[in-house]
Amino acid sequence: MLESLVCPVTQATLSYDAGAQELLSAPAGLAFPIRGGIPIMLVAEARRLD
């Protein structure tokens, strides 16, 4: 399913961080959480990558 998801900001592909349960968008500098197996692809819910 990861192949069908893209960053809502940049449309770039995402990488999966299993330990943190997040989908990462390096170009946007955002990490989108996965809660209960569901990716939350809202910018307001994402955390900034340092």
C-alpha atoms as a PDB file:
ATOM      1  CA  MET A   1       0.000   0.000   0.000  1.00  0.00           C
ATOM      2  CA  LEU A   2       2.942   2.334   0.633  1.00  0.00           C
ATOM      3  CA  GLU A   3       3.562   2.551  -3.109  1.00  0.00           C
ATOM      4  CA  SER A   4       0.196   4.254  -3.634  1.00  0.00           C
ATOM      5  CA  LEU A   5       0.738   6.945  -0.982  1.00  0.00           C
ATOM      6  CA  VAL A   6       2.566  10.190  -1.695  1.00  0.00           C
ATOM      7  CA  CYS A   7       3.293  13.292   0.345  1.00  0.00           C
ATOM      8  CA  PRO A   8       0.284  15.643   0.257  1.00  0.00           C
ATOM      9  CA  VAL A   9       2.647  18.646   0.103  1.00  0.00           C
ATOM     10  CA  THR A  10       5.263  17.642  -2.482  1.00  0.00           C
ATOM     11  CA  GLN A  11       3.748  14.532  -4.122  1.00  0.00           C
ATOM     12  CA  ALA A  12       7.083  12.784  -3.381  1.00  0.00           C
ATOM     13  CA  THR A  13       7.266   9.124  -2.421  1.00  0.00           C
ATOM     14  CA  LEU A  14       7.302   8.311   1.282  1.00  0.00           C
ATOM     15  CA  SER A  15       9.555   6.080   3.333  1.00  0.00           C
ATOM     16  CA  TYR A  16       8.325   3.961   6.217  1.00  0.00           C
ATOM     17  CA  ASP A  17       9.811   4.172   9.704  1.00  0.00           C
ATOM     18  CA  ALA A  18       8.562   1.012  11.425  1.00  0.00           C
ATOM     19  CA  GLY A  19      10.010   1.914  14.821  1.00  0.00           C
ATOM     20  CA  ALA A  20       8.289   5.290  14.994  1.00  0.00           C
ATOM     21  CA  GLN A  21       5.200   4.165  13.018  1.00  0.00           C
ATOM     22  CA  GLU A  22       5.519   7.113  10.637  1.00  0.00           C
ATOM     23  CA  LEU A  23       5.664   7.814   6.935  1.00  0.00           C
ATOM     24  CA  LEU A  24       8.507  10.200   6.144  1.00  0.00           C
ATOM     25  CA  SER A  25       8.665  12.845   3.447  1.00  0.00           C
ATOM     26  CA  ALA A  26      12.244  14.074   3.261  1.00  0.00           C
ATOM     27  CA  PRO A  27      11.516  16.779   0.636  1.00  0.00           C
ATOM     28  CA  ALA A  28       8.778  18.296   2.821  1.00  0.00           C
ATOM     29  CA  GLY A  29      10.615  17.624   6.078  1.00  0.00           C
ATOM     30  CA  LEU A  30       7.529  15.994   7.574  1.00  0.00           C
ATOM     31  CA  ALA A  31       6.677  12.736   9.331  1.00  0.00           C
ATOM     32  CA  PHE A  32       3.080  11.558   9.066  1.00  0.00           C
ATOM     33  CA  PRO A  33       1.871   9.306  11.907  1.00  0.00           C
ATOM     34  CA  ILE A  34       0.315   5.882  11.491  1.00  0.00           C
ATOM     35  CA  ARG A  35      -2.377   5.248  14.104  1.00  0.00           C
ATOM     36  CA  GLY A  36      -4.128   1.915  14.393  1.00  0.00           C
ATOM     37  CA  GLY A  37      -2.636   0.919  11.051  1.00  0.00           C
ATOM     38  CA  ILE A  38      -4.066   3.977   9.295  1.00  0.00           C
ATOM     39  CA  PRO A  39      -1.744   6.652   7.890  1.00  0.00           C
ATOM     40  CA  ILE A  40      -2.822  10.147   8.904  1.00  0.00           C
ATOM     41  CA  MET A  41      -1.891  12.218   5.846  1.00  0.00           C
ATOM     42  CA  LEU A  42      -2.854  15.613   7.253  1.00  0.00           C
ATOM     43  CA  VAL A  43      -0.190  18.315   7.428  1.00  0.00           C
ATOM     44  CA  ALA A  44      -1.703  19.520  10.701  1.00  0.00           C
ATOM     45  CA  GLU A  45      -1.033  16.073  12.240  1.00  0.00           C
ATOM     46  CA  ALA A  46       2.509  15.716  10.868  1.00  0.00           C
ATOM     47  CA  ARG A  47       5.625  16.494  12.851  1.00  0.00           C
ATOM     48  CA  ARG A  48       8.596  18.404  11.485  1.00  0.00           C
ATOM     49  CA  LEU A  49      11.769  16.454  10.820  1.00  0.00           C
ATOM     50  CA  ASP A  50      14.909  17.973  12.286  1.00  0.00           C
END
